[in-house]
């Protein structure tokens, strides 16, 4: 059995995420999000949807980007 790198749970149905040359092992999506998701520069929530990037910073949406002074950022619908 593999061990989740976030919570340490040994579980028979862990899964691997391959990203940027590294392999990560998790027992659930919650742990994967905790370790892998970028965090909004404004409201500090994990970004698990598309989000937006502006000048190298990540935001959960255009509203938060504008709150930090980024201009011209719009959500796509």
PDB file of N, CA and C in Angstrom:
ATOM      1  N   UNK A   1       0.840  -1.189   0.000  1.00  0.00           N
ATOM      2  CA  UNK A   1       0.000   0.000   0.000  1.00  0.00           C
ATOM      3  C   UNK A   1       0.879   1.243   0.000  1.00  0.00           C
ATOM      4  N   UNK A   2       0.421   2.226  -0.712  1.00  0.00           N
ATOM      5  CA  UNK A   2       1.143   3.492  -0.762  1.00  0.00           C
ATOM      6  C   UNK A   2       0.634   4.428   0.325  1.00  0.00           C
ATOM      7  N   UNK A   3       1.427   5.461   0.607  1.00  0.00           N
ATOM      8  CA  UNK A   3       1.103   6.409   1.668  1.00  0.00           C
ATOM      9  C   UNK A   3       0.869   7.794   1.059  1.00  0.00           C
ATOM     10  N   UNK A   4      -0.206   8.453   1.475  1.00  0.00           N
ATOM     11  CA  UNK A   4      -0.512   9.812   1.026  1.00  0.00           C
ATOM     12  C   UNK A   4       0.553  10.763   1.559  1.00  0.00           C
ATOM     13  N   UNK A   5       1.095  11.593   0.678  1.00  0.00           N
ATOM     14  CA  UNK A   5       2.166  12.502   1.097  1.00  0.00           C
ATOM     15  C   UNK A   5       1.663  13.678   1.929  1.00  0.00           C
ATOM     16  N   UNK A   6       0.362  13.892   1.985  1.00  0.00           N
ATOM     17  CA  UNK A   6      -0.177  14.992   2.784  1.00  0.00           C
ATOM     18  C   UNK A   6      -0.575  14.511   4.171  1.00  0.00           C
ATOM     19  N   UNK A   7      -1.436  13.515   4.241  1.00  0.00           N
ATOM     20  CA  UNK A   7      -1.972  13.091   5.539  1.00  0.00           C
ATOM     21  C   UNK A   7      -1.296  11.852   6.105  1.00  0.00           C
ATOM     22  N   UNK A   8      -0.516  11.161   5.285  1.00  0.00           N
ATOM     23  CA  UNK A   8       0.184   9.981   5.761  1.00  0.00           C
ATOM     24  C   UNK A   8      -0.649   8.714   5.799  1.00  0.00           C
ATOM     25  N   UNK A   9      -1.884   8.780   5.326  1.00  0.00           N
ATOM     26  CA  UNK A   9      -2.754   7.611   5.320  1.00  0.00           C
ATOM     27  C   UNK A   9      -2.203   6.550   4.368  1.00  0.00           C
ATOM     28  N   UNK A  10      -2.091   5.326   4.845  1.00  0.00           N
ATOM     29  CA  UNK A  10      -1.732   4.204   3.986  1.00  0.00           C
ATOM     30  C   UNK A  10      -3.026   3.614   3.453  1.00  0.00           C
ATOM     31  N   UNK A  11      -3.134   3.575   2.134  1.00  0.00           N
ATOM     32  CA  UNK A  11      -4.417   3.277   1.499  1.00  0.00           C
ATOM     33  C   UNK A  11      -4.170   2.477   0.239  1.00  0.00           C
ATOM     34  N   UNK A  12      -4.983   1.484  -0.005  1.00  0.00           N
ATOM     35  CA  UNK A  12      -4.823   0.620  -1.160  1.00  0.00           C
ATOM     36  C   UNK A  12      -5.238   1.235  -2.479  1.00  0.00           C
ATOM     37  N   UNK A  13      -5.889   2.389  -2.443  1.00  0.00           N
ATOM     38  CA  UNK A  13      -6.360   2.997  -3.692  1.00  0.00           C
ATOM     39  C   UNK A  13      -5.818   4.421  -3.851  1.00  0.00           C
ATOM     40  N   UNK A  14      -4.564   4.633  -3.452  1.00  0.00           N
ATOM     41  CA  UNK A  14      -3.951   5.942  -3.686  1.00  0.00           C
ATOM     42  C   UNK A  14      -3.816   6.159  -5.185  1.00  0.00           C
ATOM     43  N   UNK A  15      -3.559   7.401  -5.563  1.00  0.00           N
ATOM     44  CA  UNK A  15      -3.335   7.720  -6.967  1.00  0.00           C
ATOM     45  C   UNK A  15      -2.142   8.650  -7.075  1.00  0.00           C
ATOM     46  N   UNK A  16      -1.553   8.673  -8.253  1.00  0.00           N
ATOM     47  CA  UNK A  16      -0.389   9.511  -8.509  1.00  0.00           C
ATOM     48  C   UNK A  16      -0.758  10.691  -9.387  1.00  0.00           C
ATOM     49  N   UNK A  17      -0.124  11.814  -9.102  1.00  0.00           N
ATOM     50  CA  UNK A  17      -0.222  12.991  -9.963  1.00  0.00           C
ATOM     51  C   UNK A  17       1.200  13.288 -10.427  1.00  0.00           C
ATOM     52  N   UNK A  18       1.389  13.313 -11.745  1.00  0.00           N
ATOM     53  CA  UNK A  18       2.685  13.620 -12.337  1.00  0.00           C
ATOM     54  C   UNK A  18       2.644  15.073 -12.795  1.00  0.00           C
ATOM     55  N   UNK A  19       3.510  15.907 -12.225  1.00  0.00           N
ATOM     56  CA  UNK A  19       3.503  17.331 -12.564  1.00  0.00           C
ATOM     57  C   UNK A  19       4.910  17.897 -12.453  1.00  0.00           C
ATOM     58  N   UNK A  20       5.322  18.609 -13.473  1.00  0.00           N
ATOM     59  CA  UNK A  20       6.598  19.311 -13.498  1.00  0.00           C
ATOM     60  C   UNK A  20       7.756  18.406 -13.098  1.00  0.00           C
ATOM     61  N   UNK A  21       7.749  17.187 -13.619  1.00  0.00           N
ATOM     62  CA  UNK A  21       8.837  16.250 -13.380  1.00  0.00           C
ATOM     63  C   UNK A  21       8.802  15.521 -12.047  1.00  0.00           C
ATOM     64  N   UNK A  22       7.800  15.766 -11.238  1.00  0.00           N
ATOM     65  CA  UNK A  22       7.686  15.102  -9.933  1.00  0.00           C
ATOM     66  C   UNK A  22       6.453  14.198  -9.914  1.00  0.00           C
ATOM     67  N   UNK A  23       6.502  13.191  -9.067  1.00  0.00           N
ATOM     68  CA  UNK A  23       5.366  12.291  -8.876  1.00  0.00           C
ATOM     69  C   UNK A  23       4.872  12.464  -7.444  1.00  0.00           C
ATOM     70  N   UNK A  24       3.576  12.740  -7.303  1.00  0.00           N
ATOM     71  CA  UNK A  24       2.955  12.938  -5.995  1.00  0.00           C
ATOM     72  C   UNK A  24       1.935  11.823  -5.765  1.00  0.00           C
ATOM     73  N   UNK A  25       1.817  11.363  -4.528  1.00  0.00           N
ATOM     74  CA  UNK A  25       0.887  10.287  -4.179  1.00  0.00           C
ATOM     75  C   UNK A  25      -0.123  10.820  -3.164  1.00  0.00           C
ATOM     76  N   UNK A  26      -1.411  10.594  -3.469  1.00  0.00           N
ATOM     77  CA  UNK A  26      -2.492  11.077  -2.605  1.00  0.00           C
ATOM     78  C   UNK A  26      -3.521   9.983  -2.391  1.00  0.00           C
ATOM     79  N   UNK A  27      -4.252  10.095  -1.280  1.00  0.00           N
ATOM     80  CA  UNK A  27      -5.329   9.135  -1.026  1.00  0.00           C
ATOM     81  C   UNK A  27      -6.695   9.713  -1.362  1.00  0.00           C
ATOM     82  N   UNK A  28      -6.772  11.041  -1.611  1.00  0.00           N
ATOM     83  CA  UNK A  28      -8.050  11.667  -1.952  1.00  0.00           C
ATOM     84  C   UNK A  28      -7.795  12.989  -2.679  1.00  0.00           C
ATOM     85  N   UNK A  29      -8.816  13.489  -3.321  1.00  0.00           N
ATOM     86  CA  UNK A  29      -8.688  14.760  -4.037  1.00  0.00           C
ATOM     87  C   UNK A  29      -8.466  15.926  -3.081  1.00  0.00           C
ATOM     88  N   UNK A  30      -8.996  15.839  -1.870  1.00  0.00           N
ATOM     89  CA  UNK A  30      -8.792  16.920  -0.904  1.00  0.00           C
ATOM     90  C   UNK A  30      -7.309  17.105  -0.612  1.00  0.00           C
ATOM     91  N   UNK A  31      -6.599  16.017  -0.397  1.00  0.00           N
ATOM     92  CA  UNK A  31      -5.161  16.117  -0.145  1.00  0.00           C
ATOM     93  C   UNK A  31      -4.425  16.611  -1.391  1.00  0.00           C
ATOM     94  N   UNK A  32      -4.850  16.158  -2.556  1.00  0.00           N
ATOM     95  CA  UNK A  32      -4.209  16.614  -3.799  1.00  0.00           C
ATOM     96  C   UNK A  32      -4.396  18.118  -3.988  1.00  0.00           C
ATOM     97  N   UNK A  33      -5.584  18.612  -3.732  1.00  0.00           N
ATOM     98  CA  UNK A  33      -5.851  20.045  -3.845  1.00  0.00           C
ATOM     99  C   UNK A  33      -5.010  20.810  -2.834  1.00  0.00           C
ATOM    100  N   UNK A  34      -4.953  20.307  -1.615  1.00  0.00           N
ATOM    101  CA  UNK A  34      -4.187  20.970  -0.562  1.00  0.00           C
ATOM    102  C   UNK A  34      -2.722  21.154  -0.986  1.00  0.00           C
ATOM    103  N   UNK A  35      -2.141  20.144  -1.604  1.00  0.00           N
ATOM    104  CA  UNK A  35      -0.735  20.202  -1.985  1.00  0.00           C
ATOM    105  C   UNK A  35      -0.504  20.887  -3.333  1.00  0.00           C
ATOM    106  N   UNK A  36      -1.408  20.693  -4.295  1.00  0.00           N
ATOM    107  CA  UNK A  36      -1.112  21.067  -5.674  1.00  0.00           C
ATOM    108  C   UNK A  36      -1.745  22.376  -6.147  1.00  0.00           C
ATOM    109  N   UNK A  37      -2.877  22.748  -5.590  1.00  0.00           N
ATOM    110  CA  UNK A  37      -3.593  23.912  -6.115  1.00  0.00           C
ATOM    111  C   UNK A  37      -2.882  25.213  -5.750  1.00  0.00           C
ATOM    112  N   UNK A  38      -2.791  26.123  -6.726  1.00  0.00           N
ATOM    113  CA  UNK A  38      -2.269  27.447  -6.374  1.00  0.00           C
ATOM    114  C   UNK A  38      -3.275  28.155  -5.463  1.00  0.00           C
ATOM    115  N   UNK A  39      -2.817  29.174  -4.750  1.00  0.00           N
ATOM    116  CA  UNK A  39      -3.668  29.915  -3.818  1.00  0.00           C
ATOM    117  C   UNK A  39      -3.886  31.324  -4.358  1.00  0.00           C
ATOM    118  N   UNK A  40      -5.124  31.799  -4.295  1.00  0.00           N
ATOM    119  CA  UNK A  40      -5.457  33.145  -4.766  1.00  0.00           C
ATOM    120  C   UNK A  40      -4.651  34.182  -3.983  1.00  0.00           C
ATOM    121  N   UNK A  41      -4.011  35.085  -4.703  1.00  0.00           N
ATOM    122  CA  UNK A  41      -3.192  36.130  -4.083  1.00  0.00           C
ATOM    123  C   UNK A  41      -4.028  37.114  -3.260  1.00  0.00           C
ATOM    124  N   UNK A  42      -5.335  37.168  -3.524  1.00  0.00           N
ATOM    125  CA  UNK A  42      -6.186  38.119  -2.805  1.00  0.00           C
ATOM    126  C   UNK A  42      -6.926  37.468  -1.640  1.00  0.00           C
ATOM    127  N   UNK A  43      -7.745  36.470  -1.920  1.00  0.00           N
ATOM    128  CA  UNK A  43      -8.602  35.908  -0.874  1.00  0.00           C
ATOM    129  C   UNK A  43      -8.032  34.646  -0.233  1.00  0.00           C
ATOM    130  N   UNK A  44      -6.933  34.152  -0.762  1.00  0.00           N
ATOM    131  CA  UNK A  44      -6.189  33.018  -0.185  1.00  0.00           C
ATOM    132  C   UNK A  44      -6.878  31.664  -0.269  1.00  0.00           C
ATOM    133  N   UNK A  45      -7.906  31.518  -1.113  1.00  0.00           N
ATOM    134  CA  UNK A  45      -8.532  30.209  -1.276  1.00  0.00           C
ATOM    135  C   UNK A  45      -7.771  29.400  -2.327  1.00  0.00           C
ATOM    136  N   UNK A  46      -7.784  28.062  -2.219  1.00  0.00           N
ATOM    137  CA  UNK A  46      -7.168  27.245  -3.264  1.00  0.00           C
ATOM    138  C   UNK A  46      -7.936  27.430  -4.573  1.00  0.00           C
ATOM    139  N   UNK A  47      -7.218  27.550  -5.655  1.00  0.00           N
ATOM    140  CA  UNK A  47      -7.846  27.738  -6.965  1.00  0.00           C
ATOM    141  C   UNK A  47      -8.031  26.365  -7.595  1.00  0.00           C
ATOM    142  N   UNK A  48      -9.278  25.895  -7.612  1.00  0.00           N
ATOM    143  CA  UNK A  48      -9.555  24.576  -8.179  1.00  0.00           C
ATOM    144  C   UNK A  48     -10.368  24.669  -9.466  1.00  0.00           C
ATOM    145  N   UNK A  49     -10.625  25.878  -9.912  1.00  0.00           N
ATOM    146  CA  UNK A  49     -11.271  26.062 -11.218  1.00  0.00           C
ATOM    147  C   UNK A  49     -10.235  26.666 -12.156  1.00  0.00           C
ATOM    148  N   UNK A  50     -10.659  27.346 -13.210  1.00  0.00           N
ATOM    149  CA  UNK A  50      -9.721  27.907 -14.171  1.00  0.00           C
ATOM    150  C   UNK A  50      -8.879  29.027 -13.573  1.00  0.00           C
ATOM    151  N   UNK A  51      -9.458  29.905 -12.788  1.00  0.00           N
ATOM    152  CA  UNK A  51      -8.724  31.032 -12.222  1.00  0.00           C
ATOM    153  C   UNK A  51      -8.186  31.948 -13.310  1.00  0.00           C
ATOM    154  N   UNK A  52      -7.422  32.950 -12.912  1.00  0.00           N
ATOM    155  CA  UNK A  52      -6.773  33.856 -13.860  1.00  0.00           C
ATOM    156  C   UNK A  52      -5.351  34.123 -13.384  1.00  0.00           C
ATOM    157  N   UNK A  53      -4.488  34.420 -14.334  1.00  0.00           N
ATOM    158  CA  UNK A  53      -3.113  34.774 -14.027  1.00  0.00           C
ATOM    159  C   UNK A  53      -2.853  36.175 -14.554  1.00  0.00           C
ATOM    160  N   UNK A  54      -2.213  37.002 -13.760  1.00  0.00           N
ATOM    161  CA  UNK A  54      -1.885  38.360 -14.175  1.00  0.00           C
ATOM    162  C   UNK A  54      -0.506  38.720 -13.631  1.00  0.00           C
ATOM    163  N   UNK A  55       0.400  39.024 -14.521  1.00  0.00           N
ATOM    164  CA  UNK A  55       1.759  39.423 -14.123  1.00  0.00           C
ATOM    165  C   UNK A  55       2.418  38.411 -13.195  1.00  0.00           C
ATOM    166  N   UNK A  56       2.193  37.119 -13.471  1.00  0.00           N
ATOM    167  CA  UNK A  56       2.816  36.069 -12.670  1.00  0.00           C
ATOM    168  C   UNK A  56       2.122  35.750 -11.366  1.00  0.00           C
ATOM    169  N   UNK A  57       1.008  36.398 -11.074  1.00  0.00           N
ATOM    170  CA  UNK A  57       0.230  36.117  -9.865  1.00  0.00           C
ATOM    171  C   UNK A  57      -1.042  35.374 -10.253  1.00  0.00           C
ATOM    172  N   UNK A  58      -1.500  34.492  -9.351  1.00  0.00           N
ATOM    173  CA  UNK A  58      -2.700  33.710  -9.610  1.00  0.00           C
ATOM    174  C   UNK A  58      -3.844  34.200  -8.732  1.00  0.00           C
ATOM    175  N   UNK A  59      -5.041  34.228  -9.343  1.00  0.00           N
ATOM    176  CA  UNK A  59      -6.249  34.680  -8.651  1.00  0.00           C
ATOM    177  C   UNK A  59      -7.379  33.717  -8.963  1.00  0.00           C
ATOM    178  N   UNK A  60      -8.348  33.615  -8.043  1.00  0.00           N
ATOM    179  CA  UNK A  60      -9.482  32.723  -8.276  1.00  0.00           C
ATOM    180  C   UNK A  60     -10.412  33.258  -9.350  1.00  0.00           C
ATOM    181  N   UNK A  61     -10.399  34.557  -9.576  1.00  0.00           N
ATOM    182  CA  UNK A  61     -11.226  35.154 -10.622  1.00  0.00           C
ATOM    183  C   UNK A  61     -10.830  36.596 -10.864  1.00  0.00           C
ATOM    184  N   UNK A  62     -11.481  37.189 -11.848  1.00  0.00           N
ATOM    185  CA  UNK A  62     -11.154  38.567 -12.235  1.00  0.00           C
ATOM    186  C   UNK A  62     -11.395  39.549 -11.095  1.00  0.00           C
ATOM    187  N   UNK A  63     -12.428  39.332 -10.299  1.00  0.00           N
ATOM    188  CA  UNK A  63     -12.721  40.244  -9.198  1.00  0.00           C
ATOM    189  C   UNK A  63     -11.524  40.355  -8.254  1.00  0.00           C
ATOM    190  N   UNK A  64     -10.955  39.230  -7.861  1.00  0.00           N
ATOM    191  CA  UNK A  64      -9.815  39.257  -6.947  1.00  0.00           C
ATOM    192  C   UNK A  64      -8.591  39.887  -7.611  1.00  0.00           C
ATOM    193  N   UNK A  65      -8.419  39.655  -8.903  1.00  0.00           N
ATOM    194  CA  UNK A  65      -7.297  40.286  -9.613  1.00  0.00           C
ATOM    195  C   UNK A  65      -7.448  41.804  -9.594  1.00  0.00           C
ATOM    196  N   UNK A  66      -8.664  42.276  -9.841  1.00  0.00           N
ATOM    197  CA  UNK A  66      -8.900  43.724  -9.816  1.00  0.00           C
ATOM    198  C   UNK A  66      -8.705  44.299  -8.419  1.00  0.00           C
ATOM    199  N   UNK A  67      -9.069  43.530  -7.380  1.00  0.00           N
ATOM    200  CA  UNK A  67      -8.868  43.979  -6.000  1.00  0.00           C
ATOM    201  C   UNK A  67      -7.386  44.231  -5.709  1.00  0.00           C
ATOM    202  N   UNK A  68      -6.515  43.519  -6.403  1.00  0.00           N
ATOM    203  CA  UNK A  68      -5.075  43.695  -6.218  1.00  0.00           C
ATOM    204  C   UNK A  68      -4.475  44.640  -7.256  1.00  0.00           C
ATOM    205  N   UNK A  69      -5.352  45.386  -7.970  1.00  0.00           N
ATOM    206  CA  UNK A  69      -4.879  46.415  -8.883  1.00  0.00           C
ATOM    207  C   UNK A  69      -4.573  45.975 -10.293  1.00  0.00           C
ATOM    208  N   UNK A  70      -4.891  44.746 -10.647  1.00  0.00           N
ATOM    209  CA  UNK A  70      -4.660  44.275 -12.015  1.00  0.00           C
ATOM    210  C   UNK A  70      -5.760  44.832 -12.903  1.00  0.00           C
ATOM    211  N   UNK A  71      -5.391  45.347 -14.044  1.00  0.00           N
ATOM    212  CA  UNK A  71      -6.378  45.943 -14.951  1.00  0.00           C
ATOM    213  C   UNK A  71      -6.545  45.089 -16.191  1.00  0.00           C
ATOM    214  N   UNK A  72      -7.733  45.207 -16.790  1.00  0.00           N
ATOM    215  CA  UNK A  72      -8.016  44.496 -18.022  1.00  0.00           C
ATOM    216  C   UNK A  72      -8.300  43.021 -17.861  1.00  0.00           C
ATOM    217  N   UNK A  73      -8.479  42.561 -16.639  1.00  0.00           N
ATOM    218  CA  UNK A  73      -8.744  41.136 -16.388  1.00  0.00           C
ATOM    219  C   UNK A  73     -10.253  40.928 -16.336  1.00  0.00           C
ATOM    220  N   UNK A  74     -10.751  39.975 -17.124  1.00  0.00           N
ATOM    221  CA  UNK A  74     -12.172  39.652 -17.131  1.00  0.00           C
ATOM    222  C   UNK A  74     -12.343  38.150 -17.027  1.00  0.00           C
ATOM    223  N   UNK A  75     -13.433  37.738 -16.400  1.00  0.00           N
ATOM    224  CA  UNK A  75     -13.779  36.321 -16.353  1.00  0.00           C
ATOM    225  C   UNK A  75     -14.358  35.924 -17.702  1.00  0.00           C
ATOM    226  N   UNK A  76     -14.069  34.726 -18.122  1.00  0.00           N
ATOM    227  CA  UNK A  76     -14.656  34.177 -19.357  1.00  0.00           C
ATOM    228  C   UNK A  76     -15.859  33.338 -18.970  1.00  0.00           C
ATOM    229  N   UNK A  77     -16.966  33.565 -19.686  1.00  0.00           N
ATOM    230  CA  UNK A  77     -18.172  32.789 -19.405  1.00  0.00           C
ATOM    231  C   UNK A  77     -18.625  32.062 -20.637  1.00  0.00           C
TER     232      UNK A  77
END
